[in-house]
Amino acid sequence: MSVHSASIRRWRGAALLMVGALAAFLGYLRWPTKTPAGQSPLVLLSSQNLESFRHAFNAADDRTRVIAFFSPT
């Protein structure tokens, strides 16, 4: 295998990785943001709505509750 063919394969691999990352990003942007019927809508927590979230969370102490945090890092 020559250095030239290894370089081409490396570039093709990088291009394929970039296309895959772009496709994943575009899929993320187009993903439906609606919740199923009967489920509360998704919210972004902030200092302005934290108290209402805490109240709703604590009011549901007779049910299973899940808090999921997703971070890009």
Protein backbone atom coordinates (compact mmCIF):
# COMPACT_ATOMS: atom_id res chain seq x y z
CA MET A 1 0.00 0.00 0.00
CA SER A 2 1.40 3.35 -0.98
CA VAL A 3 1.37 6.51 1.05
CA HIS A 4 -0.95 8.07 -1.54
CA SER A 5 -3.65 5.37 -1.19
CA ALA A 6 -3.44 5.53 2.61
CA SER A 7 -3.92 9.29 2.44
CA ILE A 8 -6.95 8.91 0.16
CA ARG A 9 -8.50 6.35 2.50
CA ARG A 10 -7.91 8.65 5.44
CA TRP A 11 -9.64 11.53 3.61
CA ARG A 12 -12.55 9.29 2.62
CA GLY A 13 -12.92 8.14 6.22
CA ALA A 14 -12.88 11.72 7.47
CA ALA A 15 -15.42 12.76 4.83
CA LEU A 16 -17.69 9.85 5.77
CA LEU A 17 -17.43 10.80 9.44
CA MET A 18 -18.34 14.41 8.65
CA VAL A 19 -21.33 13.35 6.53
CA GLY A 20 -22.50 11.08 9.34
CA ALA A 21 -22.14 13.85 11.92
CA LEU A 22 -24.05 16.26 9.69
CA ALA A 23 -26.82 13.70 9.14
CA ALA A 24 -27.10 13.11 12.90
CA PHE A 25 -27.27 16.85 13.56
CA LEU A 26 -29.96 17.42 10.93
CA GLY A 27 -31.92 14.46 12.28
CA TYR A 28 -31.71 15.97 15.76
CA LEU A 29 -33.09 19.27 14.47
CA ARG A 30 -35.99 17.57 12.72
CA TRP A 31 -36.81 15.18 15.59
CA PRO A 32 -40.38 15.69 16.82
CA THR A 33 -40.53 17.65 20.06
CA LYS A 34 -44.08 16.71 20.97
CA THR A 35 -44.74 14.47 23.93
CA PRO A 36 -47.22 11.57 23.94
CA ALA A 37 -50.83 12.21 24.91
CA GLY A 38 -51.22 12.47 28.67
CA GLN A 39 -47.60 13.48 29.26
CA SER A 40 -46.62 16.98 30.27
CA PRO A 41 -44.74 18.96 27.61
CA LEU A 42 -40.96 19.09 27.74
CA VAL A 43 -39.50 22.17 29.39
CA LEU A 44 -36.11 23.78 29.71
CA LEU A 45 -35.28 24.37 33.34
CA SER A 46 -34.20 27.86 34.26
CA SER A 47 -34.07 29.97 37.39
CA GLN A 48 -37.45 31.45 36.41
CA ASN A 49 -39.36 28.13 36.31
CA LEU A 50 -37.43 26.07 38.86
CA GLU A 51 -39.86 26.72 41.71
CA SER A 52 -42.91 25.61 39.68
CA PHE A 53 -40.99 22.50 38.60
CA ARG A 54 -40.07 21.71 42.20
CA HIS A 55 -43.71 22.11 43.28
CA ALA A 56 -45.01 19.83 40.48
CA PHE A 57 -42.29 17.27 41.18
CA ASN A 58 -42.98 17.14 44.92
CA ALA A 59 -46.76 17.01 44.36
CA ALA A 60 -46.35 13.71 42.46
CA ASP A 61 -44.75 11.82 45.36
CA ASP A 62 -47.20 8.91 44.92
CA ARG A 63 -45.90 8.17 41.38
CA THR A 64 -42.58 7.21 39.84
CA ARG A 65 -40.68 10.33 38.77
CA VAL A 66 -37.69 10.58 36.48
CA ILE A 67 -35.48 13.58 35.83
CA ALA A 68 -33.19 13.20 32.84
CA PHE A 69 -30.47 15.71 32.01
CA PHE A 70 -28.90 15.61 28.59
CA SER A 71 -25.72 17.51 27.97
CA PRO A 72 -23.64 17.82 24.80
CA THR A 73 -20.43 17.52 26.81
